[in-house]
Amino acid sequence: MNEHQGIEVFARRRARRAAATVHRPTRILGLVSVVAALLTIVLFWMGMSFALEGQNLVSTSLAYASIGTSVVAIVGGASAIVLHRGRAMGAVAIVVGVLANPLVLTRLLNLASGLG
């Protein structure tokens, strides 16, 4: 029997234990992206309500904030997909971030108004 055989056994156990504990990636990036996308919807809705009341300065500021949060949602969602950190939530964040962006909504409504 070899005198190093006992050391080998312990080394194999540690390797097996390390292989058994697979680190599952956290989904926090996808969750943050979805929250940013939902915040985009809230900011856009608030901006529209202030615009209907005639408070243009506040509604313009909220529109800019909505554009910023939609960019955060889109970039965060794309990062979540690429890094495997909440891929489904990242995809939802991208779709909602694009569709809730005031610039995109303005273009879509202009296209739709020309159809009718």
Protein backbone atom coordinates (compact mmCIF):
# COMPACT_ATOMS: atom_id res chain seq x y z
CA MET A 1 0.00 0.00 0.00
CA ASN A 2 1.22 3.48 -0.88
CA GLU A 3 1.67 6.00 1.93
CA HIS A 4 -0.02 8.79 -0.16
CA GLN A 5 -3.18 6.80 -0.79
CA GLY A 6 -5.06 8.35 2.14
CA ILE A 7 -4.33 11.86 0.90
CA GLU A 8 -5.73 10.93 -2.54
CA VAL A 9 -8.98 9.76 -1.03
CA PHE A 10 -9.50 13.06 0.75
CA ALA A 11 -8.65 15.01 -2.39
CA ARG A 12 -11.24 13.03 -4.37
CA ARG A 13 -13.89 13.71 -1.73
CA ARG A 14 -13.30 17.45 -1.90
CA ALA A 15 -13.43 17.38 -5.69
CA ARG A 16 -16.73 15.46 -5.60
CA ARG A 17 -18.16 17.83 -3.01
CA ALA A 18 -17.11 20.86 -5.07
CA ALA A 19 -18.66 19.36 -8.20
CA ALA A 20 -21.90 18.57 -6.34
CA THR A 21 -22.42 22.16 -5.22
CA VAL A 22 -23.29 23.81 -8.50
CA HIS A 23 -23.64 27.54 -8.12
CA ARG A 24 -26.99 28.59 -9.50
CA PRO A 25 -26.80 32.07 -10.97
CA THR A 26 -28.90 34.70 -9.28
CA ARG A 27 -31.82 36.20 -11.15
CA ILE A 28 -31.52 39.64 -9.60
CA LEU A 29 -30.52 41.36 -12.86
CA GLY A 30 -33.67 40.15 -14.62
CA LEU A 31 -35.79 41.19 -11.66
CA VAL A 32 -34.28 44.69 -11.58
CA SER A 33 -34.90 45.00 -15.32
CA VAL A 34 -38.56 44.05 -14.93
CA VAL A 35 -38.96 46.54 -12.10
CA ALA A 36 -37.43 49.24 -14.33
CA ALA A 37 -39.84 48.29 -17.11
CA LEU A 38 -42.81 48.53 -14.76
CA LEU A 39 -41.52 51.87 -13.49
CA THR A 40 -41.44 53.02 -17.12
CA ILE A 41 -45.15 52.28 -17.43
CA VAL A 42 -45.93 54.11 -14.18
CA LEU A 43 -43.90 57.17 -15.16
CA PHE A 44 -45.48 57.26 -18.61
CA TRP A 45 -48.98 57.01 -17.14
CA MET A 46 -48.26 59.77 -14.64
CA GLY A 47 -46.80 61.95 -17.40
CA MET A 48 -49.91 61.47 -19.53
CA SER A 49 -52.19 62.37 -16.63
CA PHE A 50 -50.21 65.55 -15.92
CA ALA A 51 -50.26 66.43 -19.64
CA LEU A 52 -54.04 66.10 -19.70
CA GLU A 53 -54.23 68.51 -16.76
CA GLY A 54 -52.11 71.03 -18.66
CA GLN A 55 -48.98 70.78 -16.52
CA ASN A 56 -46.52 70.56 -19.37
CA LEU A 57 -43.27 70.99 -17.43
CA VAL A 58 -44.02 68.11 -15.08
CA SER A 59 -45.27 65.88 -17.89
CA THR A 60 -42.16 66.58 -19.99
CA SER A 61 -39.91 65.74 -17.04
CA LEU A 62 -41.80 62.50 -16.45
CA ALA A 63 -41.52 61.64 -20.14
CA TYR A 64 -37.75 62.05 -19.98
CA ALA A 65 -37.63 59.94 -16.83
CA SER A 66 -39.74 57.31 -18.57
CA ILE A 67 -37.35 57.25 -21.53
CA GLY A 68 -34.40 56.82 -19.15
CA THR A 69 -35.97 53.98 -17.22
CA SER A 70 -36.97 52.23 -20.44
CA VAL A 71 -33.34 52.37 -21.58
CA VAL A 72 -32.30 50.90 -18.22
CA ALA A 73 -34.91 48.14 -18.64
CA ILE A 74 -33.78 47.31 -22.18
CA VAL A 75 -30.06 47.28 -21.39
CA GLY A 76 -30.61 45.39 -18.14
CA GLY A 77 -32.86 42.87 -19.88
CA ALA A 78 -30.31 42.29 -22.63
CA SER A 79 -27.60 41.85 -20.00
CA ALA A 80 -29.77 39.40 -18.07
CA ILE A 81 -30.28 37.33 -21.22
CA VAL A 82 -26.62 37.31 -22.17
CA LEU A 83 -25.35 36.59 -18.64
CA HIS A 84 -28.07 33.99 -17.87
CA ARG A 85 -29.26 36.00 -14.89
CA GLY A 86 -33.02 35.76 -15.28
CA ARG A 87 -33.44 35.24 -18.99
CA ALA A 88 -37.25 35.13 -19.06
CA MET A 89 -37.56 38.24 -16.93
CA GLY A 90 -34.96 39.93 -19.13
CA ALA A 91 -37.00 39.18 -22.25
CA VAL A 92 -40.14 40.56 -20.61
CA ALA A 93 -38.22 43.68 -19.56
CA ILE A 94 -37.03 44.26 -23.12
CA VAL A 95 -40.51 43.94 -24.62
CA VAL A 96 -42.17 46.12 -21.99
CA GLY A 97 -39.32 48.65 -22.06
CA VAL A 98 -39.57 49.07 -25.83
CA LEU A 99 -43.36 49.24 -25.94
CA ALA A 100 -43.66 51.62 -22.97
CA ASN A 101 -41.05 54.05 -24.28
CA PRO A 102 -42.79 57.37 -25.06
CA LEU A 103 -40.78 57.85 -28.24
CA VAL A 104 -41.85 54.45 -29.59
CA LEU A 105 -45.46 55.00 -28.51
CA THR A 106 -45.55 58.36 -30.25
CA ARG A 107 -44.32 56.82 -33.50
CA LEU A 108 -46.76 53.93 -33.27
CA LEU A 109 -49.70 56.24 -32.59
CA ASN A 110 -48.70 58.46 -35.51
CA LEU A 111 -48.59 55.41 -37.79
CA ALA A 112 -51.94 54.18 -36.49
CA SER A 113 -53.59 57.58 -36.97
CA GLY A 114 -52.61 57.60 -40.64
CA LEU A 115 -54.27 54.23 -41.23
CA GLY A 116 -57.79 55.27 -40.28
